[in-house]
Protein backbone atom coordinates (compact mmCIF):
# COMPACT_ATOMS: atom_id res chain seq x y z
CA MET A 1 51.39 70.66 106.22
CA ALA A 2 53.75 68.17 108.56
CA SER A 3 53.06 68.13 112.14
CA THR A 4 55.62 66.50 114.49
CA ASP A 5 55.36 68.16 117.93
CA SER A 6 52.34 70.46 118.87
CA GLY A 7 54.36 72.02 121.56
CA ILE A 8 56.24 75.09 121.57
CA ILE A 9 59.76 75.10 122.75
CA ILE A 10 60.89 78.49 123.14
CA ASP A 11 65.09 78.15 123.99
CA SER A 12 68.04 80.64 123.78
CA THR A 13 68.10 80.26 119.99
CA THR A 14 64.53 81.11 119.40
CA ILE A 15 65.08 84.39 121.69
CA LEU A 16 68.26 85.46 120.09
CA SER A 17 66.36 84.71 116.59
CA LEU A 18 63.77 87.19 117.11
CA LEU A 19 65.90 89.55 118.76
CA SER A 20 68.27 89.78 115.80
CA THR A 21 65.15 90.93 113.76
CA LEU A 22 64.11 93.46 116.28
CA ALA A 23 67.63 94.95 116.31
CA ILE A 24 67.60 95.28 112.70
CA LEU A 25 64.38 96.90 112.60
CA THR A 26 65.35 99.51 115.44
CA THR A 27 68.77 100.13 113.39
CA ALA A 28 66.57 100.90 110.34
CA TYR A 29 64.27 103.25 112.49
CA LEU A 30 67.36 104.87 114.21
CA LEU A 31 68.94 105.45 110.30
CA SER A 32 65.58 107.28 109.48
CA VAL A 33 66.11 109.57 112.51
CA ARG A 34 69.57 110.38 111.59
CA LEU A 35 69.27 110.78 107.88
CA LEU A 36 65.78 112.18 107.33
CA SER A 37 64.61 115.57 108.26
CA ALA A 38 62.34 115.41 111.22
CA VAL A 39 60.15 118.26 109.55
CA ASN A 40 60.03 118.20 106.14
CA THR A 41 59.69 114.21 105.49
CA PRO A 42 56.45 113.11 104.58
CA PRO A 43 55.35 110.10 106.57
CA GLN A 44 54.95 107.96 103.64
CA ILE A 45 58.73 108.70 102.85
CA ARG A 46 59.76 107.79 106.21
CA ILE A 47 57.86 104.47 106.26
CA LEU A 48 59.32 103.81 102.97
CA PHE A 49 62.99 104.45 104.00
CA ILE A 50 62.89 102.49 107.25
CA TRP A 51 61.19 99.70 105.26
CA HIS A 52 63.85 99.49 102.80
CA ALA A 53 66.38 100.16 105.32
CA PHE A 54 65.00 97.12 107.14
CA ASP A 55 64.78 95.12 103.77
CA ALA A 56 68.40 95.88 102.65
CA LEU A 57 69.72 94.69 106.27
CA ILE A 58 67.83 91.54 106.45
CA HIS A 59 68.46 90.73 102.91
CA THR A 60 71.82 91.24 103.25
CA LEU A 61 72.80 89.97 107.00
CA LEU A 62 70.29 87.35 107.57
CA GLU A 63 69.59 86.11 104.00
CA GLY A 64 73.31 86.47 102.87
CA SER A 65 74.39 84.27 105.77
CA PHE A 66 71.70 81.61 104.44
CA LEU A 67 73.46 81.57 101.23
CA TYR A 68 76.81 81.61 102.92
CA ASN A 69 75.87 78.20 104.80
CA CYS A 70 74.39 76.77 101.47
CA PHE A 71 77.65 77.10 99.49
CA PHE A 72 80.25 76.85 102.48
CA THR A 73 78.67 74.50 105.17
CA TYR A 74 78.35 70.97 104.27
CA LEU A 75 78.32 67.29 105.67
CA ALA A 76 80.82 65.12 103.98
CA LEU A 77 79.03 61.68 103.17
CA PRO A 78 80.88 58.73 104.51
CA ALA A 79 80.17 56.52 101.43
CA PRO A 80 79.46 57.69 97.59
CA LEU A 81 75.95 57.91 96.20
CA GLU A 82 76.18 54.55 94.26
CA ASP A 83 76.49 52.89 97.54
CA VAL A 84 73.42 53.66 98.98
CA SER A 85 69.88 52.73 98.04
CA ILE A 86 68.18 56.47 98.12
CA SER A 87 69.17 59.34 95.86
CA HIS A 88 71.28 62.32 97.08
CA PRO A 89 69.52 65.67 97.85
CA ALA A 90 70.60 68.94 97.26
CA SER A 91 70.02 68.97 100.94
CA TRP A 92 67.67 67.73 103.67
CA HIS A 93 66.74 68.06 107.04
CA GLY A 94 67.77 65.27 109.65
CA ARG A 95 70.88 64.17 111.36
CA ALA A 96 73.73 62.41 109.80
CA TRP A 97 73.91 60.67 106.68
CA ASN A 98 73.72 57.01 108.16
CA ASP A 99 71.05 58.23 110.78
CA ALA A 100 68.96 59.61 107.72
CA ILE A 101 68.91 56.18 105.88
CA ALA A 102 67.73 54.36 108.91
CA THR A 103 65.06 56.85 110.01
CA GLY A 104 63.88 57.54 106.30
CA HIS A 105 63.90 61.39 106.19
CA LYS A 106 62.25 62.91 103.15
CA LEU A 107 64.60 64.24 100.17
CA LEU A 108 64.00 67.82 98.96
CA THR A 109 65.31 67.32 95.47
CA PRO A 110 64.65 65.06 92.47
CA PRO A 111 66.80 61.55 92.39
CA GLY A 112 70.16 62.40 90.75
CA VAL A 113 70.04 66.16 91.10
CA TYR A 114 73.06 67.22 93.25
CA PHE A 115 73.65 70.79 94.75
CA LEU A 116 76.81 72.19 93.07
CA GLY A 117 77.14 68.89 91.37
CA ARG A 118 78.66 67.34 94.48
CA SER A 119 77.16 63.80 95.28
CA ASP A 120 79.53 63.33 98.19
CA ARG A 121 78.27 66.25 100.37
CA LEU A 122 75.25 67.72 102.02
CA TYR A 123 74.78 71.41 102.08
CA GLY A 124 73.13 73.85 104.50
CA SER A 125 72.50 75.56 108.12
CA PHE A 126 71.83 71.70 109.51
CA TYR A 127 75.41 70.94 109.08
CA GLY A 128 77.00 74.12 110.45
CA ILE A 129 78.30 75.29 113.69
CA ASN A 130 78.24 79.07 113.08
CA PRO A 131 75.84 81.40 114.99
CA MET A 132 74.01 81.83 111.88
CA SER A 133 73.35 78.48 110.85
CA ALA A 134 71.72 78.04 114.27
CA LEU A 135 69.47 80.91 113.63
CA TRP A 136 68.47 79.46 110.14
CA ARG A 137 68.00 75.92 112.04
CA GLU A 138 65.46 77.65 114.06
CA TYR A 139 63.52 79.08 111.21
CA ALA A 140 63.78 75.44 109.42
CA LYS A 141 61.57 74.00 112.38
CA ALA A 142 58.69 75.50 110.42
CA ASP A 143 60.15 75.18 107.11
CA ALA A 144 62.65 72.55 106.46
CA ARG A 145 64.09 74.06 103.00
CA TRP A 146 65.86 76.84 104.82
CA GLY A 147 67.97 74.35 106.85
CA GLY A 148 69.40 72.73 103.74
CA ALA A 149 70.08 73.92 100.18
CA ASP A 150 66.64 73.73 98.47
CA LEU A 151 67.05 74.58 94.70
CA THR A 152 64.11 76.99 94.33
CA VAL A 153 64.99 78.88 97.63
CA VAL A 154 68.76 79.27 96.70
CA SER A 155 67.95 80.38 93.51
CA LEU A 156 65.41 82.85 94.65
CA GLU A 157 67.84 84.02 97.55
CA LEU A 158 70.94 84.78 94.81
CA LEU A 159 68.44 87.27 93.38
CA THR A 160 67.23 88.81 96.55
CA VAL A 161 70.78 89.03 98.11
CA GLY A 162 72.44 90.14 95.06
CA ILE A 163 69.97 92.77 93.19
CA GLY A 164 67.15 93.12 96.07
CA ALA A 165 69.76 94.40 98.61
CA PRO A 166 71.51 96.75 96.66
CA LEU A 167 68.15 98.08 95.14
CA ALA A 168 66.58 98.78 98.49
CA ALA A 169 69.80 100.58 99.82
CA TYR A 170 69.55 102.80 96.85
CA ILE A 171 65.92 103.57 97.54
CA CYS A 172 66.83 104.63 100.94
CA TYR A 173 69.62 106.83 99.26
CA LEU A 174 66.74 108.61 96.96
CA CYS A 175 64.53 109.05 100.15
CA VAL A 176 67.31 110.88 102.07
CA LYS A 177 67.99 113.07 98.58
CA GLY A 178 64.16 113.91 98.24
CA ASP A 179 64.11 112.24 94.62
CA GLN A 180 60.63 111.65 93.64
CA ARG A 181 61.98 108.72 91.41
CA VAL A 182 61.82 106.54 94.46
CA TRP A 183 58.62 105.50 93.97
CA ILE A 184 59.45 104.10 90.62
CA TRP A 185 62.29 101.86 91.70
CA ALA A 186 60.31 101.31 94.93
CA GLY A 187 57.46 99.86 92.95
CA TRP A 188 59.61 97.58 91.01
CA LEU A 189 61.29 95.99 93.97
CA ALA A 190 57.84 95.56 95.52
CA VAL A 191 56.55 93.47 92.19
CA GLY A 192 59.96 91.74 92.59
CA GLU A 193 59.14 90.76 96.64
CA LEU A 194 55.66 89.76 95.81
CA TYR A 195 56.91 87.49 92.77
CA GLY A 196 59.70 86.05 95.12
CA GLY A 197 57.29 85.31 97.77
CA PHE A 198 54.75 83.63 95.28
CA MET A 199 57.82 81.33 94.05
CA THR A 200 58.96 80.47 97.53
CA PHE A 201 55.78 78.98 98.63
CA ALA A 202 53.99 77.91 95.29
CA PRO A 203 55.99 74.77 95.37
CA GLU A 204 54.98 73.70 98.83
CA TRP A 205 51.16 74.67 97.99
CA LEU A 206 51.42 72.21 94.84
CA SER A 207 52.97 69.59 96.63
CA GLY A 208 50.78 69.44 99.96
CA ASN A 209 52.96 71.72 101.95
CA THR A 210 55.41 68.80 102.97
CA ASN A 211 58.26 70.77 104.00
CA LEU A 212 56.24 73.10 106.37
CA ASP A 213 55.40 72.60 110.11
CA GLY A 214 52.57 74.78 111.38
CA SER A 215 51.60 72.63 114.51
CA ASN A 216 51.92 75.31 117.15
CA PHE A 217 51.45 78.97 117.28
CA MET A 218 55.23 80.11 116.86
CA PHE A 219 55.72 78.06 113.75
CA MET A 220 52.42 78.70 111.92
CA TRP A 221 51.80 82.66 113.01
CA VAL A 222 55.12 83.98 113.54
CA TYR A 223 57.58 82.25 111.54
CA LEU A 224 55.62 81.24 108.64
CA PHE A 225 52.48 83.97 108.68
CA PHE A 226 54.13 87.11 110.37
CA PHE A 227 57.40 87.11 109.15
CA ASN A 228 56.32 86.25 105.41
CA MET A 229 53.39 88.36 105.01
CA LEU A 230 55.56 91.48 105.66
CA TRP A 231 56.61 91.04 102.47
CA VAL A 232 53.17 90.94 101.19
CA PHE A 233 51.33 93.79 102.69
CA ILE A 234 54.03 96.32 102.49
CA PRO A 235 54.85 95.75 98.84
CA PHE A 236 50.87 96.02 98.07
CA TRP A 237 51.08 99.33 100.12
CA ILE A 238 54.15 100.68 98.36
CA LEU A 239 52.42 99.64 95.03
CA TYR A 240 49.14 101.63 96.14
CA GLU A 241 51.33 104.78 96.98
CA ALA A 242 53.47 104.59 94.03
CA TYR A 243 50.54 104.55 91.85
CA GLY A 244 48.88 107.33 93.31
CA THR A 245 52.12 109.39 93.38
CA LEU A 246 52.81 108.75 89.75
CA GLY A 247 49.42 109.23 88.74
CA ARG A 248 49.26 112.72 90.24
CA ALA A 249 52.56 113.47 88.86
CA MET A 250 51.54 112.54 85.37
CA ILE A 251 48.28 114.78 85.69
CA THR A 252 50.24 117.62 86.85
CA ARG A 253 52.78 117.03 84.15
CA LYS A 254 49.69 117.23 81.71
CA SER A 255 48.10 120.26 82.93
CA GLN A 256 51.30 121.86 82.59
CA THR A 257 51.66 121.10 79.15
CA LEU A 258 48.34 122.35 78.42
CA VAL A 259 49.13 125.48 80.11
CA ASP A 260 52.09 125.91 77.82
CA GLU A 261 50.52 125.37 74.76
CA LYS A 262 47.91 127.82 75.13
CA GLY A 263 50.57 130.21 76.03
CA LYS A 264 52.54 129.50 72.94
CA ARG A 265 49.25 130.07 70.92
CA LYS A 266 48.61 133.46 72.46
CA ASP A 267 52.04 134.56 71.33
């Protein structure tokens, strides 16, 4: 795991980034208060609603902005790829192109691989000036891939934003309607979240965590551990609850079927 600075630097960007997450969680809770019955809503359904409202907002607002920066924020290179001695990354963390050559910043993609097929551009939040690019540059202090356009991360985020976010919103709708099929959809999304988390970090585990920096408490335990393990522990809880709920429903249905069959035999 890369380590460049063991000191914790908390600036306005750090604070605003953390507050944005807290604001989204607060919004999810207030939506649950507004839309769910205070008397008739089981605690499991309330937790399920708050989590998926939070999930949908995170995927849409934050991870959606990550994709925006990947596709529309870029640094135009001052020279064609063929004129330099190193290959072009889909995106890498560093300063300008000439500075990167001089200082030897590592690349994130294999030689000859260009994001969107553009060998004359570097894409990602490292090169943006909008507020959301600043947020992702903050997180990229712990995981450099999120400052650029890492191919694995972008591929997973396309699914997360395009499918995961709408599905999370639909699960909230089912919670409001009291539809017990919510556990089926929530279970499917939980499996997807767990798979996505594994595929996000498995390449790093297999390559020595070259893009991760756990050199201080903030990077290791807040950015890398806490924010990512939320999408491990809660999906596992959802699968546990879904298994129990669906199992009880099947037993009830089987018991009712047996009662119906006995009734028909008597007739």
